[in-house]
Amino acid sequence: MLTSHRKQQLLSILKRQGQLIAKEVSQAMGVSEDTIRRDLRELAQEGLLQRVHGGALPSSPAVADFAGRERITPEGKVAIGRAAAKMIQSGQVVILDGGTTARQLARHIPLDLKATVITHSPTIALELINHLNIEVILIGGRLFRHSVVAVGASAMEAIAHIHADVFFMGVTGVHPRAGLTTGDYEEAAIKRALSHAAAETIVLASSEKLNAASPYAVVPLAEISGIITERSAEKSLLQPYVKLGITVTRA
């Protein structure tokens, strides 16, 4: 079998099954595990999958820069943001993550809502500048330009003193096996701290992030209470999360 054909088969299996186990695939294809592992390494270098111990998971396409991510399923992100904004209740202390979907959430918060919004994203803070009934607390630190958020020791120190009602989290990957993941080690640590600082965590996940994984773990699925995605998301992609008892909202 030609290498190109074999790689296409690997990607097809990954898309169909949501994961790939090198030993099983090598036996099915009649080639060595070393050959399959080499194929997986090369596909990972092309950004077509995410390697994990023993095999691979689908790679998240949501790893472009901030401007690039705003062009990915913009209508879906608007719908997710609108649905999430409706969940915020008067008087709550809410943590908003950075990112393009969270930006849509901020844009859809009613102007008359009274609440406190904590964010480590200057972009989110600016979206709320005209919400006079929203107290905005901006967490500072080193600017991570890719996501336009603050990271680092000072950000972690500030987060340690927060007890919020809910955290609306953005990630680049949501996967039944890998949990919630993102593409930067330090940003993953900040998201994890923000999640632990809130009574509940709700994940904002456009459909391209479902059944996909990135290199760095944020929190396991057991630590979140809800996922908001587009109405167009395939039900088969959502079933694993529903079975885990996670509330899935299709916006």
C-alpha atoms as a PDB file:
ATOM      1  CA  MET A   1       0.000   0.000   0.000  1.00  0.00           C
ATOM      2  CA  LEU A   2       1.298   3.430  -0.934  1.00  0.00           C
ATOM      3  CA  THR A   3       2.190   5.719   1.959  1.00  0.00           C
ATOM      4  CA  SER A   4      -0.203   8.421   0.750  1.00  0.00           C
ATOM      5  CA  HIS A   5      -3.060   5.921   0.537  1.00  0.00           C
ATOM      6  CA  ARG A   6      -2.280   4.557   3.976  1.00  0.00           C
ATOM      7  CA  LYS A   7      -2.259   8.057   5.481  1.00  0.00           C
ATOM      8  CA  GLN A   8      -5.630   8.811   3.922  1.00  0.00           C
ATOM      9  CA  GLN A   9      -6.986   5.633   5.481  1.00  0.00           C
ATOM     10  CA  LEU A  10      -5.617   6.673   8.868  1.00  0.00           C
ATOM     11  CA  LEU A  11      -7.339  10.053   8.626  1.00  0.00           C
ATOM     12  CA  SER A  12     -10.552   8.361   7.535  1.00  0.00           C
ATOM     13  CA  ILE A  13     -10.465   6.020  10.549  1.00  0.00           C
ATOM     14  CA  LEU A  14      -9.773   8.971  12.826  1.00  0.00           C
ATOM     15  CA  LYS A  15     -12.706  10.944  11.457  1.00  0.00           C
ATOM     16  CA  ARG A  16     -15.044   7.951  11.693  1.00  0.00           C
ATOM     17  CA  GLN A  17     -14.045   6.641  15.131  1.00  0.00           C
ATOM     18  CA  GLY A  18     -12.800   9.771  16.894  1.00  0.00           C
ATOM     19  CA  GLN A  19      -9.551   8.069  17.899  1.00  0.00           C
ATOM     20  CA  LEU A  20      -6.934   5.736  16.471  1.00  0.00           C
ATOM     21  CA  ILE A  21      -4.994   2.988  18.250  1.00  0.00           C
ATOM     22  CA  ALA A  22      -1.716   2.261  16.474  1.00  0.00           C
ATOM     23  CA  LYS A  23      -1.542  -1.445  17.394  1.00  0.00           C
ATOM     24  CA  GLU A  24      -5.051  -2.191  16.161  1.00  0.00           C
ATOM     25  CA  VAL A  25      -4.569  -0.266  12.919  1.00  0.00           C
ATOM     26  CA  SER A  26      -1.207  -1.898  12.183  1.00  0.00           C
ATOM     27  CA  GLN A  27      -2.786  -5.337  12.519  1.00  0.00           C
ATOM     28  CA  ALA A  28      -5.742  -4.400  10.343  1.00  0.00           C
ATOM     29  CA  MET A  29      -3.502  -2.957   7.616  1.00  0.00           C
ATOM     30  CA  GLY A  30      -0.867  -5.681   7.837  1.00  0.00           C
ATOM     31  CA  VAL A  31       2.020  -3.288   8.483  1.00  0.00           C
ATOM     32  CA  SER A  32       4.292  -2.765  11.481  1.00  0.00           C
ATOM     33  CA  GLU A  33       3.473  -0.466  14.378  1.00  0.00           C
ATOM     34  CA  ASP A  34       6.668   1.436  13.563  1.00  0.00           C
ATOM     35  CA  THR A  35       5.263   2.210  10.119  1.00  0.00           C
ATOM     36  CA  ILE A  36       1.981   3.445  11.563  1.00  0.00           C
ATOM     37  CA  ARG A  37       3.783   5.525  14.197  1.00  0.00           C
ATOM     38  CA  ARG A  38       5.928   7.109  11.484  1.00  0.00           C
ATOM     39  CA  ASP A  39       2.799   7.956   9.485  1.00  0.00           C
ATOM     40  CA  LEU A  40       1.214   9.478  12.583  1.00  0.00           C
ATOM     41  CA  ARG A  41       4.312  11.582  13.290  1.00  0.00           C
ATOM     42  CA  GLU A  42       4.277  12.959   9.763  1.00  0.00           C
ATOM     43  CA  LEU A  43       0.537  13.655   9.841  1.00  0.00           C
ATOM     44  CA  ALA A  44       0.947  15.399  13.196  1.00  0.00           C
ATOM     45  CA  GLN A  45       3.701  17.594  11.749  1.00  0.00           C
ATOM     46  CA  GLU A  46       1.220  18.634   9.055  1.00  0.00           C
ATOM     47  CA  GLY A  47      -1.299  19.539  11.765  1.00  0.00           C
ATOM     48  CA  LEU A  48      -3.743  16.848  10.642  1.00  0.00           C
ATOM     49  CA  LEU A  49      -3.977  14.963  13.936  1.00  0.00           C
ATOM     50  CA  GLN A  50      -2.897  15.063  17.568  1.00  0.00           C
ATOM     51  CA  ARG A  51      -0.625  12.234  18.683  1.00  0.00           C
ATOM     52  CA  VAL A  52      -1.299  10.630  22.063  1.00  0.00           C
ATOM     53  CA  HIS A  53       0.141   7.604  23.840  1.00  0.00           C
ATOM     54  CA  GLY A  54      -0.682   4.549  21.758  1.00  0.00           C
ATOM     55  CA  GLY A  55      -2.255   6.344  18.826  1.00  0.00           C
ATOM     56  CA  ALA A  56      -3.857   9.627  17.763  1.00  0.00           C
ATOM     57  CA  LEU A  57      -6.850  11.933  18.180  1.00  0.00           C
ATOM     58  CA  PRO A  58      -8.329  14.414  15.690  1.00  0.00           C
ATOM     59  CA  SER A  59      -6.447  17.706  15.733  1.00  0.00           C
ATOM     60  CA  SER A  60      -8.341  20.915  16.437  1.00  0.00           C
ATOM     61  CA  PRO A  61      -8.422  23.447  13.564  1.00  0.00           C
ATOM     62  CA  ALA A  62      -8.997  26.230  16.112  1.00  0.00           C
ATOM     63  CA  VAL A  63      -5.318  27.054  16.538  1.00  0.00           C
ATOM     64  CA  ALA A  64      -5.062  30.050  14.210  1.00  0.00           C
ATOM     65  CA  ASP A  65      -4.352  33.524  15.556  1.00  0.00           C
ATOM     66  CA  PHE A  66      -7.157  35.670  16.991  1.00  0.00           C
ATOM     67  CA  ALA A  67      -8.047  37.302  13.669  1.00  0.00           C
ATOM     68  CA  GLY A  68      -8.003  33.969  11.876  1.00  0.00           C
ATOM     69  CA  ARG A  69     -10.255  32.324  14.460  1.00  0.00           C
ATOM     70  CA  GLU A  70     -12.845  35.068  14.073  1.00  0.00           C
ATOM     71  CA  ARG A  71     -13.385  33.833  10.509  1.00  0.00           C
ATOM     72  CA  ILE A  72     -14.148  30.257  11.614  1.00  0.00           C
ATOM     73  CA  THR A  73     -17.936  29.574  11.776  1.00  0.00           C
ATOM     74  CA  PRO A  74     -18.767  33.198  12.686  1.00  0.00           C
ATOM     75  CA  GLU A  75     -22.553  32.605  12.596  1.00  0.00           C
ATOM     76  CA  GLY A  76     -22.223  29.684  14.985  1.00  0.00           C
ATOM     77  CA  LYS A  77     -20.156  31.725  17.416  1.00  0.00           C
ATOM     78  CA  VAL A  78     -22.763  34.482  17.403  1.00  0.00           C
ATOM     79  CA  ALA A  79     -25.476  31.938  18.264  1.00  0.00           C
ATOM     80  CA  ILE A  80     -23.350  30.408  21.039  1.00  0.00           C
ATOM     81  CA  GLY A  81     -22.562  33.834  22.476  1.00  0.00           C
ATOM     82  CA  ARG A  82     -26.215  34.834  22.452  1.00  0.00           C
ATOM     83  CA  ALA A  83     -27.279  31.632  24.224  1.00  0.00           C
ATOM     84  CA  ALA A  84     -24.531  31.948  26.841  1.00  0.00           C
ATOM     85  CA  ALA A  85     -25.372  35.589  27.566  1.00  0.00           C
ATOM     86  CA  LYS A  86     -28.956  34.582  28.393  1.00  0.00           C
ATOM     87  CA  MET A  87     -27.631  32.275  31.128  1.00  0.00           C
ATOM     88  CA  ILE A  88     -26.107  35.127  33.141  1.00  0.00           C
ATOM     89  CA  GLN A  89     -28.342  36.179  36.010  1.00  0.00           C
ATOM     90  CA  SER A  90     -28.559  39.539  37.734  1.00  0.00           C
ATOM     91  CA  GLY A  91     -26.079  39.928  40.560  1.00  0.00           C
ATOM     92  CA  GLN A  92     -23.816  37.077  39.503  1.00  0.00           C
ATOM     93  CA  VAL A  93     -20.033  37.160  39.481  1.00  0.00           C
ATOM     94  CA  VAL A  94     -19.050  35.784  36.083  1.00  0.00           C
ATOM     95  CA  ILE A  95     -15.649  34.921  34.629  1.00  0.00           C
ATOM     96  CA  LEU A  96     -15.337  35.345  30.866  1.00  0.00           C
ATOM     97  CA  ASP A  97     -12.475  33.672  29.051  1.00  0.00           C
ATOM     98  CA  GLY A  98     -10.713  35.315  26.144  1.00  0.00           C
ATOM     99  CA  GLY A  99     -11.286  34.265  22.557  1.00  0.00           C
ATOM    100  CA  THR A 100     -13.625  34.927  19.684  1.00  0.00           C
ATOM    101  CA  THR A 101     -16.677  33.051  21.013  1.00  0.00           C
ATOM    102  CA  ALA A 102     -16.434  34.718  24.418  1.00  0.00           C
ATOM    103  CA  ARG A 103     -16.280  38.028  22.578  1.00  0.00           C
ATOM    104  CA  GLN A 104     -19.678  37.256  21.073  1.00  0.00           C
ATOM    105  CA  LEU A 105     -20.981  36.436  24.554  1.00  0.00           C
ATOM    106  CA  ALA A 106     -19.856  39.849  25.821  1.00  0.00           C
ATOM    107  CA  ARG A 107     -21.521  41.563  22.878  1.00  0.00           C
ATOM    108  CA  HIS A 108     -24.867  39.945  23.700  1.00  0.00           C
ATOM    109  CA  ILE A 109     -25.027  40.784  27.403  1.00  0.00           C
ATOM    110  CA  PRO A 110     -28.043  43.096  27.892  1.00  0.00           C
ATOM    111  CA  LEU A 111     -27.117  46.698  28.642  1.00  0.00           C
ATOM    112  CA  ASP A 112     -29.389  46.774  31.698  1.00  0.00           C
ATOM    113  CA  LEU A 113     -27.993  43.610  33.327  1.00  0.00           C
ATOM    114  CA  LYS A 114     -26.361  44.170  36.715  1.00  0.00           C
ATOM    115  CA  ALA A 115     -23.473  41.772  37.297  1.00  0.00           C
ATOM    116  CA  THR A 116     -19.735  41.558  37.806  1.00  0.00           C
ATOM    117  CA  VAL A 117     -17.571  40.264  34.965  1.00  0.00           C
ATOM    118  CA  ILE A 118     -14.015  39.139  35.646  1.00  0.00           C
ATOM    119  CA  THR A 119     -11.766  38.572  32.652  1.00  0.00           C
ATOM    120  CA  HIS A 120      -8.101  38.282  31.768  1.00  0.00           C
ATOM    121  CA  SER A 121      -8.841  39.495  28.258  1.00  0.00           C
ATOM    122  CA  PRO A 122      -8.543  43.218  27.415  1.00  0.00           C
ATOM    123  CA  THR A 123     -10.640  42.490  24.310  1.00  0.00           C
ATOM    124  CA  ILE A 124     -13.533  41.291  26.449  1.00  0.00           C
ATOM    125  CA  ALA A 125     -13.160  44.247  28.829  1.00  0.00           C
ATOM    126  CA  LEU A 126     -13.412  46.686  25.925  1.00  0.00           C
ATOM    127  CA  GLU A 127     -16.581  44.980  24.657  1.00  0.00           C
ATOM    128  CA  LEU A 128     -18.201  45.834  28.000  1.00  0.00           C
ATOM    129  CA  ILE A 129     -17.121  49.466  28.140  1.00  0.00           C
ATOM    130  CA  ASN A 130     -20.683  50.733  27.526  1.00  0.00           C
ATOM    131  CA  HIS A 131     -22.345  48.273  29.927  1.00  0.00           C
ATOM    132  CA  LEU A 132     -22.628  50.763  32.775  1.00  0.00           C
ATOM    133  CA  ASN A 133     -24.331  48.238  35.083  1.00  0.00           C
ATOM    134  CA  ILE A 134     -21.536  45.705  34.656  1.00  0.00           C
ATOM    135  CA  GLU A 135     -18.599  45.984  37.024  1.00  0.00           C
ATOM    136  CA  VAL A 136     -15.594  44.828  35.020  1.00  0.00           C
ATOM    137  CA  ILE A 137     -12.542  43.426  36.812  1.00  0.00           C
ATOM    138  CA  LEU A 138      -9.582  43.007  34.487  1.00  0.00           C
ATOM    139  CA  ILE A 139      -6.890  40.522  35.486  1.00  0.00           C
ATOM    140  CA  GLY A 140      -3.417  41.636  34.427  1.00  0.00           C
ATOM    141  CA  GLY A 141      -0.231  39.824  33.543  1.00  0.00           C
ATOM    142  CA  ARG A 142       1.975  39.043  30.577  1.00  0.00           C
ATOM    143  CA  LEU A 143       0.058  39.458  27.308  1.00  0.00           C
ATOM    144  CA  PHE A 144      -0.268  36.219  25.358  1.00  0.00           C
ATOM    145  CA  ARG A 145      -0.768  37.749  21.928  1.00  0.00           C
ATOM    146  CA  HIS A 146      -2.140  34.651  20.216  1.00  0.00           C
ATOM    147  CA  SER A 147      -5.331  34.770  22.296  1.00  0.00           C
ATOM    148  CA  VAL A 148      -5.015  38.377  23.541  1.00  0.00           C
ATOM    149  CA  VAL A 149      -5.183  37.332  27.211  1.00  0.00           C
ATOM    150  CA  ALA A 150      -3.057  37.824  30.320  1.00  0.00           C
ATOM    151  CA  VAL A 151      -1.029  34.877  31.587  1.00  0.00           C
ATOM    152  CA  GLY A 152       1.803  34.371  34.063  1.00  0.00           C
ATOM    153  CA  ALA A 153       2.442  34.579  37.806  1.00  0.00           C
ATOM    154  CA  SER A 154       0.589  37.829  38.465  1.00  0.00           C
ATOM    155  CA  ALA A 155      -2.522  36.542  36.696  1.00  0.00           C
ATOM    156  CA  MET A 156      -2.416  33.335  38.751  1.00  0.00           C
ATOM    157  CA  GLU A 157      -2.042  35.363  41.949  1.00  0.00           C
ATOM    158  CA  ALA A 158      -5.143  37.424  41.139  1.00  0.00           C
ATOM    159  CA  ILE A 159      -7.204  34.350  40.219  1.00  0.00           C
ATOM    160  CA  ALA A 160      -6.393  32.731  43.575  1.00  0.00           C
ATOM    161  CA  HIS A 161      -8.534  35.373  45.311  1.00  0.00           C
ATOM    162  CA  ILE A 162     -11.659  34.879  43.161  1.00  0.00           C
ATOM    163  CA  HIS A 163     -14.828  32.919  43.993  1.00  0.00           C
ATOM    164  CA  ALA A 164     -17.170  33.297  41.022  1.00  0.00           C
ATOM    165  CA  ASP A 165     -20.570  31.825  40.197  1.00  0.00           C
ATOM    166  CA  VAL A 166     -19.741  30.643  36.695  1.00  0.00           C
ATOM    167  CA  PHE A 167     -16.847  30.545  34.248  1.00  0.00           C
ATOM    168  CA  PHE A 168     -17.542  30.583  30.530  1.00  0.00           C
ATOM    169  CA  MET A 169     -14.516  28.790  29.115  1.00  0.00           C
ATOM    170  CA  GLY A 170     -13.162  28.727  25.582  1.00  0.00           C
ATOM    171  CA  VAL A 171     -10.948  25.857  24.426  1.00  0.00           C
ATOM    172  CA  THR A 172      -9.565  24.565  21.143  1.00  0.00           C
ATOM    173  CA  GLY A 173     -10.505  20.935  21.746  1.00  0.00           C
ATOM    174  CA  VAL A 174     -13.331  18.991  23.419  1.00  0.00           C
ATOM    175  CA  HIS A 175     -12.875  15.222  23.297  1.00  0.00           C
ATOM    176  CA  PRO A 176     -14.452  12.318  25.242  1.00  0.00           C
ATOM    177  CA  ARG A 177     -11.013  10.829  25.941  1.00  0.00           C
ATOM    178  CA  ALA A 178      -8.726  13.876  26.131  1.00  0.00           C
ATOM    179  CA  GLY A 179     -11.209  16.175  27.868  1.00  0.00           C
ATOM    180  CA  LEU A 180     -10.734  19.909  27.396  1.00  0.00           C
ATOM    181  CA  THR A 181      -7.506  21.007  25.738  1.00  0.00           C
ATOM    182  CA  THR A 182      -5.798  24.042  24.276  1.00  0.00           C
ATOM    183  CA  GLY A 183      -2.682  24.814  22.287  1.00  0.00           C
ATOM    184  CA  ASP A 184      -0.489  26.618  24.823  1.00  0.00           C
ATOM    185  CA  TYR A 185       0.866  25.220  28.097  1.00  0.00           C
ATOM    186  CA  GLU A 186       0.680  28.446  30.089  1.00  0.00           C
ATOM    187  CA  GLU A 187      -2.759  29.393  28.798  1.00  0.00           C
ATOM    188  CA  ALA A 188      -4.009  25.926  29.791  1.00  0.00           C
ATOM    189  CA  ALA A 189      -2.839  26.577  33.363  1.00  0.00           C
ATOM    190  CA  ILE A 190      -4.697  29.908  33.482  1.00  0.00           C
ATOM    191  CA  LYS A 191      -7.914  28.335  32.170  1.00  0.00           C
ATOM    192  CA  ARG A 192      -7.609  25.568  34.746  1.00  0.00           C
ATOM    193  CA  ALA A 193      -7.185  28.100  37.562  1.00  0.00           C
ATOM    194  CA  LEU A 194     -10.188  30.105  36.343  1.00  0.00           C
ATOM    195  CA  SER A 195     -12.294  26.953  36.229  1.00  0.00           C
ATOM    196  CA  HIS A 196     -11.335  26.079  39.798  1.00  0.00           C
ATOM    197  CA  ALA A 197     -12.217  29.639  40.861  1.00  0.00           C
ATOM    198  CA  ALA A 198     -15.857  29.238  39.789  1.00  0.00           C
ATOM    199  CA  ALA A 199     -18.743  27.186  41.174  1.00  0.00           C
ATOM    200  CA  GLU A 200     -19.439  25.844  37.678  1.00  0.00           C
ATOM    201  CA  THR A 201     -17.776  25.884  34.285  1.00  0.00           C
ATOM    202  CA  ILE A 202     -19.620  26.096  30.974  1.00  0.00           C
ATOM    203  CA  VAL A 203     -17.653  25.475  27.790  1.00  0.00           C
ATOM    204  CA  LEU A 204     -18.230  27.512  24.624  1.00  0.00           C
ATOM    205  CA  ALA A 205     -17.435  25.139  21.772  1.00  0.00           C
ATOM    206  CA  SER A 206     -18.175  25.719  18.103  1.00  0.00           C
ATOM    207  CA  SER A 207     -18.571  22.448  16.212  1.00  0.00           C
ATOM    208  CA  GLU A 208     -15.034  22.266  14.787  1.00  0.00           C
ATOM    209  CA  LYS A 209     -13.728  21.897  18.359  1.00  0.00           C
ATOM    210  CA  LEU A 210     -15.895  18.864  19.164  1.00  0.00           C
ATOM    211  CA  ASN A 211     -14.149  15.497  18.998  1.00  0.00           C
ATOM    212  CA  ALA A 212     -10.827  17.284  18.570  1.00  0.00           C
ATOM    213  CA  ALA A 213      -7.765  17.644  20.769  1.00  0.00           C
ATOM    214  CA  SER A 214      -4.824  19.990  21.314  1.00  0.00           C
ATOM    215  CA  PRO A 215      -1.519  19.331  23.115  1.00  0.00           C
ATOM    216  CA  TYR A 216      -2.271  20.693  26.599  1.00  0.00           C
ATOM    217  CA  ALA A 217      -4.975  19.521  29.020  1.00  0.00           C
ATOM    218  CA  VAL A 218      -7.113  22.087  30.817  1.00  0.00           C
ATOM    219  CA  VAL A 219      -9.564  20.074  32.937  1.00  0.00           C
ATOM    220  CA  PRO A 220     -11.295  16.703  32.533  1.00  0.00           C
ATOM    221  CA  LEU A 221     -14.907  16.589  31.385  1.00  0.00           C
ATOM    222  CA  ALA A 222     -15.985  15.590  34.895  1.00  0.00           C
ATOM    223  CA  GLU A 223     -15.189  19.132  36.088  1.00  0.00           C
ATOM    224  CA  ILE A 224     -17.581  20.970  33.764  1.00  0.00           C
ATOM    225  CA  SER A 225     -21.354  21.285  33.962  1.00  0.00           C
ATOM    226  CA  GLY A 226     -22.280  22.399  30.461  1.00  0.00           C
ATOM    227  CA  ILE A 227     -21.313  22.754  26.813  1.00  0.00           C
ATOM    228  CA  ILE A 228     -22.852  25.281  24.430  1.00  0.00           C
ATOM    229  CA  THR A 229     -22.442  24.583  20.711  1.00  0.00           C
ATOM    230  CA  GLU A 230     -24.227  25.325  17.440  1.00  0.00           C
ATOM    231  CA  ARG A 231     -27.629  23.891  16.615  1.00  0.00           C
ATOM    232  CA  SER A 232     -26.081  22.409  13.458  1.00  0.00           C
ATOM    233  CA  ALA A 233     -23.632  20.234  15.439  1.00  0.00           C
ATOM    234  CA  GLU A 234     -24.192  16.550  14.698  1.00  0.00           C
ATOM    235  CA  LYS A 235     -25.992  14.733  17.507  1.00  0.00           C
ATOM    236  CA  SER A 236     -23.519  11.848  17.238  1.00  0.00           C
ATOM    237  CA  LEU A 237     -20.719  14.248  18.254  1.00  0.00           C
ATOM    238  CA  LEU A 238     -22.671  15.318  21.329  1.00  0.00           C
ATOM    239  CA  GLN A 239     -23.825  11.931  22.623  1.00  0.00           C
ATOM    240  CA  PRO A 240     -20.619  11.088  24.558  1.00  0.00           C
ATOM    241  CA  TYR A 241     -20.989  14.296  26.593  1.00  0.00           C
ATOM    242  CA  VAL A 242     -24.693  13.782  27.243  1.00  0.00           C
ATOM    243  CA  LYS A 243     -23.913  10.268  28.531  1.00  0.00           C
ATOM    244  CA  LEU A 244     -21.463  11.813  30.994  1.00  0.00           C
ATOM    245  CA  GLY A 245     -24.261  13.927  32.455  1.00  0.00           C
ATOM    246  CA  ILE A 246     -23.074  17.197  30.910  1.00  0.00           C
ATOM    247  CA  THR A 247     -25.832  19.612  29.906  1.00  0.00           C
ATOM    248  CA  VAL A 248     -25.442  20.243  26.177  1.00  0.00           C
ATOM    249  CA  THR A 249     -27.109  23.354  24.765  1.00  0.00           C
ATOM    250  CA  ARG A 250     -27.507  23.628  20.997  1.00  0.00           C
ATOM    251  CA  ALA A 251     -27.765  27.334  20.249  1.00  0.00           C
END
